[in-house]
Amino acid sequence: MQTRDKRKGPDGLQKLFLYLILLEWFLLIYTTTTISRMTFRQGMMTLVLLLGFNLILGKLCTKRAKRSTDGYIIYPVICGGLLSFLLMLFFIF
């Protein structure tokens, strides 16, 4: 019978989740810088897609972050969701 080596560090799924959080922030920064040049339809479509992406990340975050030391996962997702919501309000009004 083979013994398994214990892993040190995060698993592959955790790394993928962290890369998705980084992608969310790059998309938010890009959208923030280019939203003034978009038409209303393009801006709304972009913001709706960003909000959908944030909802998916939030759902994954609630499933993935179970420990009290997982604040590095929770806080960027929450801040990104709030920023995209504020960006949507700014664009509409």
PDB file of N, CA and C in Angstrom:
ATOM      1  N   MET A   1       0.839  -1.168   0.000  1.00  0.00           N
ATOM      2  CA  MET A   1       0.000   0.000   0.000  1.00  0.00           C
ATOM      3  C   MET A   1       0.891   1.240   0.000  1.00  0.00           C
ATOM      4  N   GLN A   2       0.565   2.180  -0.846  1.00  0.00           N
ATOM      5  CA  GLN A   2       1.368   3.381  -0.971  1.00  0.00           C
ATOM      6  C   GLN A   2       0.904   4.435   0.019  1.00  0.00           C
ATOM      7  N   THR A   3       1.853   5.189   0.512  1.00  0.00           N
ATOM      8  CA  THR A   3       1.507   6.303   1.386  1.00  0.00           C
ATOM      9  C   THR A   3       1.486   7.581   0.568  1.00  0.00           C
ATOM     10  N   ARG A   4       0.588   8.422   0.873  1.00  0.00           N
ATOM     11  CA  ARG A   4       0.472   9.687   0.152  1.00  0.00           C
ATOM     12  C   ARG A   4       1.340  10.745   0.807  1.00  0.00           C
ATOM     13  N   ASP A   5       1.958  11.539  -0.025  1.00  0.00           N
ATOM     14  CA  ASP A   5       2.726  12.662   0.501  1.00  0.00           C
ATOM     15  C   ASP A   5       1.768  13.777   0.869  1.00  0.00           C
ATOM     16  N   LYS A   6       2.045  14.414   1.979  1.00  0.00           N
ATOM     17  CA  LYS A   6       1.205  15.544   2.395  1.00  0.00           C
ATOM     18  C   LYS A   6       1.617  16.776   1.616  1.00  0.00           C
ATOM     19  N   ARG A   7       0.638  17.473   1.152  1.00  0.00           N
ATOM     20  CA  ARG A   7       0.893  18.695   0.391  1.00  0.00           C
ATOM     21  C   ARG A   7       1.192  19.843   1.324  1.00  0.00           C
ATOM     22  N   LYS A   8       2.063  20.684   0.857  1.00  0.00           N
ATOM     23  CA  LYS A   8       2.335  21.918   1.576  1.00  0.00           C
ATOM     24  C   LYS A   8       1.899  23.058   0.678  1.00  0.00           C
ATOM     25  N   GLY A   9       1.028  23.898   1.173  1.00  0.00           N
ATOM     26  CA  GLY A   9       0.556  25.008   0.374  1.00  0.00           C
ATOM     27  C   GLY A   9      -0.820  24.738  -0.207  1.00  0.00           C
ATOM     28  N   PRO A  10      -1.318  25.688  -0.960  1.00  0.00           N
ATOM     29  CA  PRO A  10      -2.679  25.559  -1.502  1.00  0.00           C
ATOM     30  C   PRO A  10      -2.744  24.554  -2.645  1.00  0.00           C
ATOM     31  N   ASP A  11      -3.921  23.989  -2.821  1.00  0.00           N
ATOM     32  CA  ASP A  11      -4.118  23.059  -3.921  1.00  0.00           C
ATOM     33  C   ASP A  11      -4.400  23.820  -5.220  1.00  0.00           C
ATOM     34  N   GLY A  12      -4.529  23.089  -6.302  1.00  0.00           N
ATOM     35  CA  GLY A  12      -4.733  23.707  -7.610  1.00  0.00           C
ATOM     36  C   GLY A  12      -6.019  24.493  -7.715  1.00  0.00           C
ATOM     37  N   LEU A  13      -7.078  24.010  -7.085  1.00  0.00           N
ATOM     38  CA  LEU A  13      -8.363  24.708  -7.131  1.00  0.00           C
ATOM     39  C   LEU A  13      -8.296  26.043  -6.395  1.00  0.00           C
ATOM     40  N   GLN A  14      -7.557  26.064  -5.305  1.00  0.00           N
ATOM     41  CA  GLN A  14      -7.384  27.310  -4.561  1.00  0.00           C
ATOM     42  C   GLN A  14      -6.616  28.339  -5.397  1.00  0.00           C
ATOM     43  N   LYS A  15      -5.594  27.894  -6.114  1.00  0.00           N
ATOM     44  CA  LYS A  15      -4.828  28.797  -6.975  1.00  0.00           C
ATOM     45  C   LYS A  15      -5.699  29.333  -8.105  1.00  0.00           C
ATOM     46  N   LEU A  16      -6.523  28.479  -8.689  1.00  0.00           N
ATOM     47  CA  LEU A  16      -7.427  28.912  -9.746  1.00  0.00           C
ATOM     48  C   LEU A  16      -8.408  29.952  -9.223  1.00  0.00           C
ATOM     49  N   PHE A  17      -8.908  29.744  -8.023  1.00  0.00           N
ATOM     50  CA  PHE A  17      -9.838  30.700  -7.417  1.00  0.00           C
ATOM     51  C   PHE A  17      -9.159  32.045  -7.187  1.00  0.00           C
ATOM     52  N   LEU A  18      -7.920  32.032  -6.740  1.00  0.00           N
ATOM     53  CA  LEU A  18      -7.181  33.280  -6.534  1.00  0.00           C
ATOM     54  C   LEU A  18      -6.918  33.991  -7.861  1.00  0.00           C
ATOM     55  N   TYR A  19      -6.647  33.231  -8.921  1.00  0.00           N
ATOM     56  CA  TYR A  19      -6.478  33.846 -10.236  1.00  0.00           C
ATOM     57  C   TYR A  19      -7.787  34.442 -10.747  1.00  0.00           C
ATOM     58  N   LEU A  20      -8.915  33.820 -10.432  1.00  0.00           N
ATOM     59  CA  LEU A  20     -10.209  34.393 -10.810  1.00  0.00           C
ATOM     60  C   LEU A  20     -10.468  35.711 -10.079  1.00  0.00           C
ATOM     61  N   ILE A  21     -10.033  35.796  -8.830  1.00  0.00           N
ATOM     62  CA  ILE A  21     -10.173  37.055  -8.091  1.00  0.00           C
ATOM     63  C   ILE A  21      -9.303  38.132  -8.726  1.00  0.00           C
ATOM     64  N   LEU A  22      -8.086  37.784  -9.124  1.00  0.00           N
ATOM     65  CA  LEU A  22      -7.229  38.747  -9.815  1.00  0.00           C
ATOM     66  C   LEU A  22      -7.835  39.184 -11.140  1.00  0.00           C
ATOM     67  N   LEU A  23      -8.414  38.240 -11.876  1.00  0.00           N
ATOM     68  CA  LEU A  23      -9.066  38.571 -13.136  1.00  0.00           C
ATOM     69  C   LEU A  23     -10.225  39.528 -12.909  1.00  0.00           C
ATOM     70  N   GLU A  24     -10.966  39.314 -11.830  1.00  0.00           N
ATOM     71  CA  GLU A  24     -12.072  40.216 -11.501  1.00  0.00           C
ATOM     72  C   GLU A  24     -11.566  41.643 -11.293  1.00  0.00           C
ATOM     73  N   TRP A  25     -10.473  41.805 -10.575  1.00  0.00           N
ATOM     74  CA  TRP A  25      -9.947  43.136 -10.314  1.00  0.00           C
ATOM     75  C   TRP A  25      -9.381  43.782 -11.572  1.00  0.00           C
ATOM     76  N   PHE A  26      -8.746  43.011 -12.434  1.00  0.00           N
ATOM     77  CA  PHE A  26      -8.274  43.579 -13.707  1.00  0.00           C
ATOM     78  C   PHE A  26      -9.442  44.023 -14.577  1.00  0.00           C
ATOM     79  N   LEU A  27     -10.518  43.236 -14.603  1.00  0.00           N
ATOM     80  CA  LEU A  27     -11.707  43.628 -15.358  1.00  0.00           C
ATOM     81  C   LEU A  27     -12.350  44.881 -14.774  1.00  0.00           C
ATOM     82  N   LEU A  28     -12.390  44.979 -13.458  1.00  0.00           N
ATOM     83  CA  LEU A  28     -12.961  46.166 -12.829  1.00  0.00           C
ATOM     84  C   LEU A  28     -12.139  47.417 -13.128  1.00  0.00           C
ATOM     85  N   ILE A  29     -10.832  47.296 -13.074  1.00  0.00           N
ATOM     86  CA  ILE A  29      -9.970  48.445 -13.365  1.00  0.00           C
ATOM     87  C   ILE A  29     -10.120  48.859 -14.824  1.00  0.00           C
ATOM     88  N   TYR A  30     -10.144  47.881 -15.723  1.00  0.00           N
ATOM     89  CA  TYR A  30     -10.306  48.189 -17.146  1.00  0.00           C
ATOM     90  C   TYR A  30     -11.660  48.840 -17.419  1.00  0.00           C
ATOM     91  N   THR A  31     -12.708  48.305 -16.804  1.00  0.00           N
ATOM     92  CA  THR A  31     -14.043  48.865 -17.007  1.00  0.00           C
ATOM     93  C   THR A  31     -14.133  50.279 -16.442  1.00  0.00           C
ATOM     94  N   THR A  32     -13.519  50.499 -15.299  1.00  0.00           N
ATOM     95  CA  THR A  32     -13.548  51.833 -14.693  1.00  0.00           C
ATOM     96  C   THR A  32     -12.865  52.867 -15.583  1.00  0.00           C
ATOM     97  N   THR A  33     -11.786  52.471 -16.237  1.00  0.00           N
ATOM     98  CA  THR A  33     -11.066  53.428 -17.080  1.00  0.00           C
ATOM     99  C   THR A  33     -11.729  53.648 -18.424  1.00  0.00           C
ATOM    100  N   THR A  34     -12.510  52.704 -18.925  1.00  0.00           N
ATOM    101  CA  THR A  34     -13.085  52.838 -20.267  1.00  0.00           C
ATOM    102  C   THR A  34     -14.587  53.074 -20.281  1.00  0.00           C
ATOM    103  N   ILE A  35     -15.233  53.148 -19.129  1.00  0.00           N
ATOM    104  CA  ILE A  35     -16.695  53.244 -19.126  1.00  0.00           C
ATOM    105  C   ILE A  35     -17.188  54.590 -19.660  1.00  0.00           C
ATOM    106  N   SER A  36     -16.380  55.617 -19.565  1.00  0.00           N
ATOM    107  CA  SER A  36     -16.831  56.929 -20.042  1.00  0.00           C
ATOM    108  C   SER A  36     -16.916  56.981 -21.571  1.00  0.00           C
ATOM    109  N   ARG A  37     -16.230  56.105 -22.262  1.00  0.00           N
ATOM    110  CA  ARG A  37     -16.267  56.075 -23.724  1.00  0.00           C
ATOM    111  C   ARG A  37     -17.265  55.072 -24.283  1.00  0.00           C
ATOM    112  N   MET A  38     -17.962  54.356 -23.418  1.00  0.00           N
ATOM    113  CA  MET A  38     -18.921  53.341 -23.877  1.00  0.00           C
ATOM    114  C   MET A  38     -20.290  53.960 -24.086  1.00  0.00           C
ATOM    115  N   THR A  39     -21.051  53.354 -24.990  1.00  0.00           N
ATOM    116  CA  THR A  39     -22.447  53.741 -25.123  1.00  0.00           C
ATOM    117  C   THR A  39     -23.215  53.165 -23.928  1.00  0.00           C
ATOM    118  N   PHE A  40     -24.451  53.599 -23.793  1.00  0.00           N
ATOM    119  CA  PHE A  40     -25.247  53.123 -22.656  1.00  0.00           C
ATOM    120  C   PHE A  40     -25.459  51.617 -22.723  1.00  0.00           C
ATOM    121  N   ARG A  41     -25.727  51.124 -23.901  1.00  0.00           N
ATOM    122  CA  ARG A  41     -25.976  49.687 -24.060  1.00  0.00           C
ATOM    123  C   ARG A  41     -24.726  48.869 -23.765  1.00  0.00           C
ATOM    124  N   GLN A  42     -23.581  49.306 -24.267  1.00  0.00           N
ATOM    125  CA  GLN A  42     -22.332  48.591 -24.001  1.00  0.00           C
ATOM    126  C   GLN A  42     -21.978  48.623 -22.516  1.00  0.00           C
ATOM    127  N   GLY A  43     -22.148  49.776 -21.901  1.00  0.00           N
ATOM    128  CA  GLY A  43     -21.840  49.910 -20.483  1.00  0.00           C
ATOM    129  C   GLY A  43     -22.728  49.046 -19.612  1.00  0.00           C
ATOM    130  N   MET A  44     -24.020  49.021 -19.912  1.00  0.00           N
ATOM    131  CA  MET A  44     -24.938  48.201 -19.126  1.00  0.00           C
ATOM    132  C   MET A  44     -24.645  46.715 -19.301  1.00  0.00           C
ATOM    133  N   MET A  45     -24.348  46.310 -20.529  1.00  0.00           N
ATOM    134  CA  MET A  45     -24.032  44.902 -20.768  1.00  0.00           C
ATOM    135  C   MET A  45     -22.749  44.498 -20.035  1.00  0.00           C
ATOM    136  N   THR A  46     -21.759  45.375 -20.079  1.00  0.00           N
ATOM    137  CA  THR A  46     -20.502  45.100 -19.386  1.00  0.00           C
ATOM    138  C   THR A  46     -20.711  45.013 -17.887  1.00  0.00           C
ATOM    139  N   LEU A  47     -21.469  45.945 -17.336  1.00  0.00           N
ATOM    140  CA  LEU A  47     -21.694  45.956 -15.896  1.00  0.00           C
ATOM    141  C   LEU A  47     -22.548  44.785 -15.436  1.00  0.00           C
ATOM    142  N   VAL A  48     -23.507  44.377 -16.232  1.00  0.00           N
ATOM    143  CA  VAL A  48     -24.316  43.208 -15.880  1.00  0.00           C
ATOM    144  C   VAL A  48     -23.444  41.952 -15.883  1.00  0.00           C
ATOM    145  N   LEU A  49     -22.559  41.834 -16.863  1.00  0.00           N
ATOM    146  CA  LEU A  49     -21.648  40.688 -16.896  1.00  0.00           C
ATOM    147  C   LEU A  49     -20.691  40.704 -15.704  1.00  0.00           C
ATOM    148  N   LEU A  50     -20.215  41.890 -15.327  1.00  0.00           N
ATOM    149  CA  LEU A  50     -19.347  41.991 -14.153  1.00  0.00           C
ATOM    150  C   LEU A  50     -20.093  41.610 -12.873  1.00  0.00           C
ATOM    151  N   LEU A  51     -21.332  42.041 -12.749  1.00  0.00           N
ATOM    152  CA  LEU A  51     -22.114  41.670 -11.572  1.00  0.00           C
ATOM    153  C   LEU A  51     -22.374  40.168 -11.533  1.00  0.00           C
ATOM    154  N   GLY A  52     -22.638  39.573 -12.683  1.00  0.00           N
ATOM    155  CA  GLY A  52     -22.811  38.117 -12.738  1.00  0.00           C
ATOM    156  C   GLY A  52     -21.543  37.381 -12.336  1.00  0.00           C
ATOM    157  N   PHE A  53     -20.401  37.877 -12.814  1.00  0.00           N
ATOM    158  CA  PHE A  53     -19.122  37.285 -12.448  1.00  0.00           C
ATOM    159  C   PHE A  53     -18.884  37.414 -10.949  1.00  0.00           C
ATOM    160  N   ASN A  54     -19.254  38.568 -10.381  1.00  0.00           N
ATOM    161  CA  ASN A  54     -19.110  38.770  -8.940  1.00  0.00           C
ATOM    162  C   ASN A  54     -20.030  37.850  -8.145  1.00  0.00           C
ATOM    163  N   LEU A  55     -21.235  37.623  -8.635  1.00  0.00           N
ATOM    164  CA  LEU A  55     -22.141  36.703  -7.946  1.00  0.00           C
ATOM    165  C   LEU A  55     -21.602  35.283  -7.952  1.00  0.00           C
ATOM    166  N   ILE A  56     -21.039  34.863  -9.076  1.00  0.00           N
ATOM    167  CA  ILE A  56     -20.449  33.526  -9.154  1.00  0.00           C
ATOM    168  C   ILE A  56     -19.261  33.416  -8.203  1.00  0.00           C
ATOM    169  N   LEU A  57     -18.412  34.447  -8.186  1.00  0.00           N
ATOM    170  CA  LEU A  57     -17.269  34.430  -7.262  1.00  0.00           C
ATOM    171  C   LEU A  57     -17.732  34.440  -5.807  1.00  0.00           C
ATOM    172  N   GLY A  58     -18.780  35.180  -5.519  1.00  0.00           N
ATOM    173  CA  GLY A  58     -19.308  35.200  -4.155  1.00  0.00           C
ATOM    174  C   GLY A  58     -19.829  33.840  -3.732  1.00  0.00           C
ATOM    175  N   LYS A  59     -20.497  33.158  -4.642  1.00  0.00           N
ATOM    176  CA  LYS A  59     -21.006  31.817  -4.346  1.00  0.00           C
ATOM    177  C   LYS A  59     -19.855  30.839  -4.116  1.00  0.00           C
ATOM    178  N   LEU A  60     -18.828  30.928  -4.970  1.00  0.00           N
ATOM    179  CA  LEU A  60     -17.648  30.080  -4.783  1.00  0.00           C
ATOM    180  C   LEU A  60     -16.922  30.421  -3.487  1.00  0.00           C
ATOM    181  N   CYS A  61     -16.938  31.687  -3.145  1.00  0.00           N
ATOM    182  CA  CYS A  61     -16.256  32.144  -1.931  1.00  0.00           C
ATOM    183  C   CYS A  61     -16.930  31.561  -0.689  1.00  0.00           C
ATOM    184  N   THR A  62     -18.245  31.507  -0.669  1.00  0.00           N
ATOM    185  CA  THR A  62     -18.938  30.956   0.495  1.00  0.00           C
ATOM    186  C   THR A  62     -18.701  29.455   0.617  1.00  0.00           C
ATOM    187  N   LYS A  63     -18.499  28.785  -0.500  1.00  0.00           N
ATOM    188  CA  LYS A  63     -18.212  27.354  -0.455  1.00  0.00           C
ATOM    189  C   LYS A  63     -16.754  27.071  -0.134  1.00  0.00           C
ATOM    190  N   ARG A  64     -15.862  27.954  -0.568  1.00  0.00           N
ATOM    191  CA  ARG A  64     -14.428  27.693  -0.458  1.00  0.00           C
ATOM    192  C   ARG A  64     -13.820  28.168   0.849  1.00  0.00           C
ATOM    193  N   ALA A  65     -14.224  29.314   1.338  1.00  0.00           N
ATOM    194  CA  ALA A  65     -13.605  29.901   2.529  1.00  0.00           C
ATOM    195  C   ALA A  65     -14.385  29.478   3.766  1.00  0.00           C
ATOM    196  N   LYS A  66     -13.912  28.492   4.450  1.00  0.00           N
ATOM    197  CA  LYS A  66     -14.595  27.971   5.630  1.00  0.00           C
ATOM    198  C   LYS A  66     -13.878  28.328   6.926  1.00  0.00           C
ATOM    199  N   ARG A  67     -12.584  28.630   6.841  1.00  0.00           N
ATOM    200  CA  ARG A  67     -11.816  28.924   8.055  1.00  0.00           C
ATOM    201  C   ARG A  67     -11.852  30.412   8.362  1.00  0.00           C
ATOM    202  N   SER A  68     -11.513  30.752   9.583  1.00  0.00           N
ATOM    203  CA  SER A  68     -11.475  32.169   9.963  1.00  0.00           C
ATOM    204  C   SER A  68     -10.253  32.867   9.393  1.00  0.00           C
ATOM    205  N   THR A  69      -9.273  32.116   8.897  1.00  0.00           N
ATOM    206  CA  THR A  69      -8.057  32.720   8.325  1.00  0.00           C
ATOM    207  C   THR A  69      -8.174  32.942   6.827  1.00  0.00           C
ATOM    208  N   ASP A  70      -9.352  32.763   6.262  1.00  0.00           N
ATOM    209  CA  ASP A  70      -9.550  32.926   4.823  1.00  0.00           C
ATOM    210  C   ASP A  70     -10.018  34.320   4.455  1.00  0.00           C
ATOM    211  N   GLY A  71      -9.623  35.320   5.203  1.00  0.00           N
ATOM    212  CA  GLY A  71      -9.999  36.695   4.906  1.00  0.00           C
ATOM    213  C   GLY A  71      -9.384  37.204   3.620  1.00  0.00           C
ATOM    214  N   TYR A  72      -8.237  36.641   3.240  1.00  0.00           N
ATOM    215  CA  TYR A  72      -7.612  37.051   1.987  1.00  0.00           C
ATOM    216  C   TYR A  72      -8.431  36.640   0.778  1.00  0.00           C
ATOM    217  N   ILE A  73      -9.381  35.752   0.946  1.00  0.00           N
ATOM    218  CA  ILE A  73     -10.281  35.361  -0.137  1.00  0.00           C
ATOM    219  C   ILE A  73     -11.578  36.168  -0.070  1.00  0.00           C
ATOM    220  N   ILE A  74     -12.107  36.345   1.111  1.00  0.00           N
ATOM    221  CA  ILE A  74     -13.427  36.948   1.282  1.00  0.00           C
ATOM    222  C   ILE A  74     -13.420  38.441   0.970  1.00  0.00           C
ATOM    223  N   TYR A  75     -12.471  39.186   1.526  1.00  0.00           N
ATOM    224  CA  TYR A  75     -12.494  40.638   1.409  1.00  0.00           C
ATOM    225  C   TYR A  75     -12.303  41.161  -0.016  1.00  0.00           C
ATOM    226  N   PRO A  76     -11.410  40.608  -0.832  1.00  0.00           N
ATOM    227  CA  PRO A  76     -11.324  41.116  -2.215  1.00  0.00           C
ATOM    228  C   PRO A  76     -12.590  40.850  -3.023  1.00  0.00           C
ATOM    229  N   VAL A  77     -13.256  39.735  -2.770  1.00  0.00           N
ATOM    230  CA  VAL A  77     -14.493  39.426  -3.497  1.00  0.00           C
ATOM    231  C   VAL A  77     -15.598  40.394  -3.086  1.00  0.00           C
ATOM    232  N   ILE A  78     -15.723  40.666  -1.804  1.00  0.00           N
ATOM    233  CA  ILE A  78     -16.749  41.600  -1.327  1.00  0.00           C
ATOM    234  C   ILE A  78     -16.468  43.012  -1.832  1.00  0.00           C
ATOM    235  N   CYS A  79     -15.207  43.443  -1.757  1.00  0.00           N
ATOM    236  CA  CYS A  79     -14.849  44.787  -2.243  1.00  0.00           C
ATOM    237  C   CYS A  79     -15.063  44.906  -3.747  1.00  0.00           C
ATOM    238  N   GLY A  80     -14.760  43.866  -4.486  1.00  0.00           N
ATOM    239  CA  GLY A  80     -14.994  43.887  -5.928  1.00  0.00           C
ATOM    240  C   GLY A  80     -16.473  43.970  -6.262  1.00  0.00           C
ATOM    241  N   GLY A  81     -17.299  43.250  -5.520  1.00  0.00           N
ATOM    242  CA  GLY A  81     -18.738  43.322  -5.734  1.00  0.00           C
ATOM    243  C   GLY A  81     -19.295  44.703  -5.428  1.00  0.00           C
ATOM    244  N   LEU A  82     -18.831  45.302  -4.347  1.00  0.00           N
ATOM    245  CA  LEU A  82     -19.278  46.656  -4.001  1.00  0.00           C
ATOM    246  C   LEU A  82     -18.814  47.674  -5.037  1.00  0.00           C
ATOM    247  N   LEU A  83     -17.588  47.527  -5.516  1.00  0.00           N
ATOM    248  CA  LEU A  83     -17.079  48.447  -6.526  1.00  0.00           C
ATOM    249  C   LEU A  83     -17.853  48.330  -7.834  1.00  0.00           C
ATOM    250  N   SER A  84     -18.187  47.120  -8.238  1.00  0.00           N
ATOM    251  CA  SER A  84     -18.955  46.977  -9.478  1.00  0.00           C
ATOM    252  C   SER A  84     -20.373  47.518  -9.314  1.00  0.00           C
ATOM    253  N   PHE A  85     -20.962  47.370  -8.132  1.00  0.00           N
ATOM    254  CA  PHE A  85     -22.285  47.938  -7.882  1.00  0.00           C
ATOM    255  C   PHE A  85     -22.238  49.463  -7.906  1.00  0.00           C
ATOM    256  N   LEU A  86     -21.225  50.046  -7.271  1.00  0.00           N
ATOM    257  CA  LEU A  86     -21.079  51.498  -7.294  1.00  0.00           C
ATOM    258  C   LEU A  86     -20.801  52.014  -8.705  1.00  0.00           C
ATOM    259  N   LEU A  87     -20.039  51.266  -9.466  1.00  0.00           N
ATOM    260  CA  LEU A  87     -19.761  51.634 -10.851  1.00  0.00           C
ATOM    261  C   LEU A  87     -21.040  51.617 -11.672  1.00  0.00           C
ATOM    262  N   MET A  88     -21.896  50.642 -11.404  1.00  0.00           N
ATOM    263  CA  MET A  88     -23.172  50.569 -12.117  1.00  0.00           C
ATOM    264  C   MET A  88     -24.059  51.762 -11.754  1.00  0.00           C
ATOM    265  N   LEU A  89     -24.112  52.100 -10.459  1.00  0.00           N
ATOM    266  CA  LEU A  89     -24.903  53.257 -10.045  1.00  0.00           C
ATOM    267  C   LEU A  89     -24.375  54.539 -10.671  1.00  0.00           C
ATOM    268  N   PHE A  90     -23.057  54.699 -10.714  1.00  0.00           N
ATOM    269  CA  PHE A  90     -22.444  55.875 -11.320  1.00  0.00           C
ATOM    270  C   PHE A  90     -22.770  55.957 -12.808  1.00  0.00           C
ATOM    271  N   PHE A  91     -22.749  54.827 -13.478  1.00  0.00           N
ATOM    272  CA  PHE A  91     -23.007  54.818 -14.911  1.00  0.00           C
ATOM    273  C   PHE A  91     -24.459  55.125 -15.224  1.00  0.00           C
ATOM    274  N   ILE A  92     -25.373  54.588 -14.435  1.00  0.00           N
ATOM    275  CA  ILE A  92     -26.806  54.802 -14.691  1.00  0.00           C
ATOM    276  C   ILE A  92     -27.200  56.241 -14.357  1.00  0.00           C
ATOM    277  N   PHE A  93     -26.748  56.746 -13.239  1.00  0.00           N
ATOM    278  CA  PHE A  93     -27.157  58.085 -12.823  1.00  0.00           C
ATOM    279  C   PHE A  93     -26.102  59.082 -13.204  1.00  0.00           C
TER     280      PHE A  93
END
